[in-house]
Each structure stands twice: as structure tokens, then as C-alpha cells.
Amino acid sequence: MIIKRDAETVVTVYRAQPMLRSDRPLPDLHIRATVEIPGSISTDESQRMMQQDAEDIVVALVSTLPGGTFDRVLAEMLRRKLSSLVVPL
């Protein structure tokens, strides 16, 4: 479910179940994109920041989402990016 508020968009999804019955439930996951990349940094630094953000987001999603949801997120992201990856013949 997507809820748009004044200054934020909240997406509510299912999280993975614990691996064992004795495990505690996984904590809620919150990803906040609140600060813009500064325009005054170098391209290399910008690329490093984006790479670190991407890695952090993937770790958070892999450790929180059910495997089937994660797989579908990946497939949906690739589907949306496909038009820029296709080479016209």
C-alpha cells in the first residue's frame, strides 16, 4: 500500500517471517531518502555515494523482505530499466 503525505511517501509491504519459530520477528524496515546529493561534489564522489546507498538498500531489503518479494522487486526494476538497455537494430 502506498500512502502519500505532505512531505513523505510511505509504502507498506510484508516482511519475511523468522527462519525458526524460536527467532524473534524481524524489525520493521524504514528507508528514508531525505537529503539530496550535494551539487558541489565531484562525479567520482557522487558515484561512490550512490554505490554505497545501493549496497545499503540491497542489504536492508535482502534481510527484511520475503525472498519472493525481493525477486519480484528486482524483476520489476529491471523491467522498468529495460528500455534504456535495449539496442535498436
Protein backbone atom coordinates (compact mmCIF):
# COMPACT_ATOMS: atom_id res chain seq x y z
CA MET A 1 0.00 0.00 0.00
CA ILE A 2 1.32 3.47 -0.88
CA ILE A 3 0.29 6.46 1.25
CA LYS A 4 1.36 9.95 0.20
CA ARG A 5 1.52 12.53 2.95
CA ASP A 6 2.60 16.16 2.82
CA ALA A 7 6.34 15.55 2.98
CA GLU A 8 6.68 11.80 2.55
CA THR A 9 5.52 8.69 0.77
CA VAL A 10 5.00 5.59 2.91
CA VAL A 11 4.98 2.15 1.29
CA THR A 12 3.73 -0.69 3.49
CA VAL A 13 4.70 -4.24 2.48
CA TYR A 14 5.00 -7.66 4.10
CA ARG A 15 8.27 -8.59 5.79
CA ALA A 16 9.86 -12.02 5.92
CA GLN A 17 8.98 -14.47 8.67
CA PRO A 18 11.71 -15.57 11.10
CA MET A 19 13.67 -18.60 9.90
CA LEU A 20 12.97 -20.58 13.09
CA ARG A 21 9.93 -20.48 15.35
CA SER A 22 12.22 -19.53 18.23
CA ASP A 23 13.57 -16.48 16.36
CA ARG A 24 12.22 -13.05 17.10
CA PRO A 25 10.17 -11.31 14.40
CA LEU A 26 12.25 -9.16 12.07
CA PRO A 27 12.22 -5.46 12.94
CA ASP A 28 10.35 -3.03 10.71
CA LEU A 29 12.40 -1.59 7.86
CA HIS A 30 12.43 2.14 7.18
CA ILE A 31 14.32 3.56 4.21
CA ARG A 32 14.41 7.32 4.23
CA ALA A 33 15.61 9.38 1.28
CA THR A 34 15.75 12.77 2.95
CA VAL A 35 18.89 14.55 1.72
CA GLU A 36 19.75 15.47 -1.85
CA ILE A 37 23.20 14.72 -3.23
CA PRO A 38 25.16 17.97 -2.98
CA GLY A 39 25.79 19.59 -6.33
CA SER A 40 29.25 20.69 -5.23
CA ILE A 41 30.82 17.22 -5.02
CA SER A 42 32.87 15.53 -7.72
CA THR A 43 31.42 12.95 -10.09
CA ASP A 44 33.64 10.28 -8.51
CA GLU A 45 32.40 11.13 -5.01
CA SER A 46 28.79 11.19 -6.25
CA GLN A 47 29.26 7.73 -7.79
CA ARG A 48 30.77 6.40 -4.55
CA MET A 49 27.83 7.76 -2.55
CA MET A 50 25.29 6.23 -4.93
CA GLN A 51 27.10 2.86 -4.88
CA GLN A 52 27.14 2.83 -1.06
CA ASP A 53 23.45 3.78 -0.94
CA ALA A 54 22.63 0.98 -3.41
CA GLU A 55 24.56 -1.58 -1.38
CA ASP A 56 22.93 -0.46 1.88
CA ILE A 57 19.44 -0.64 0.36
CA VAL A 58 20.05 -4.14 -1.04
CA VAL A 59 21.35 -5.42 2.33
CA ALA A 60 18.27 -3.97 4.05
CA LEU A 61 15.85 -5.45 1.51
CA VAL A 62 17.51 -8.89 1.42
CA SER A 63 17.47 -9.15 5.20
CA THR A 64 13.86 -7.98 5.59
CA LEU A 65 11.70 -8.92 2.59
CA PRO A 66 10.42 -12.39 1.79
CA GLY A 67 12.60 -13.94 -0.93
CA GLY A 68 9.75 -13.96 -3.44
CA THR A 69 9.10 -10.25 -2.90
CA PHE A 70 12.79 -9.41 -3.28
CA ASP A 71 12.94 -11.41 -6.53
CA ARG A 72 9.91 -9.57 -7.88
CA VAL A 73 11.34 -6.18 -6.87
CA LEU A 74 14.50 -7.00 -8.81
CA ALA A 75 12.50 -8.17 -11.84
CA GLU A 76 10.30 -5.05 -11.75
CA MET A 77 13.32 -2.75 -11.52
CA LEU A 78 14.93 -4.49 -14.50
CA ARG A 79 11.66 -4.32 -16.47
CA ARG A 80 11.47 -0.57 -15.89
CA LYS A 81 15.11 -0.08 -16.89
CA LEU A 82 14.87 -2.35 -19.94
CA SER A 83 14.02 0.44 -22.39
CA SER A 84 17.39 2.10 -21.78
CA LEU A 85 19.23 -1.22 -22.13
CA VAL A 86 17.72 -2.26 -25.47
CA VAL A 87 19.88 -1.55 -28.51
CA PRO A 88 17.83 -0.67 -31.59
CA LEU A 89 18.56 -2.86 -34.62
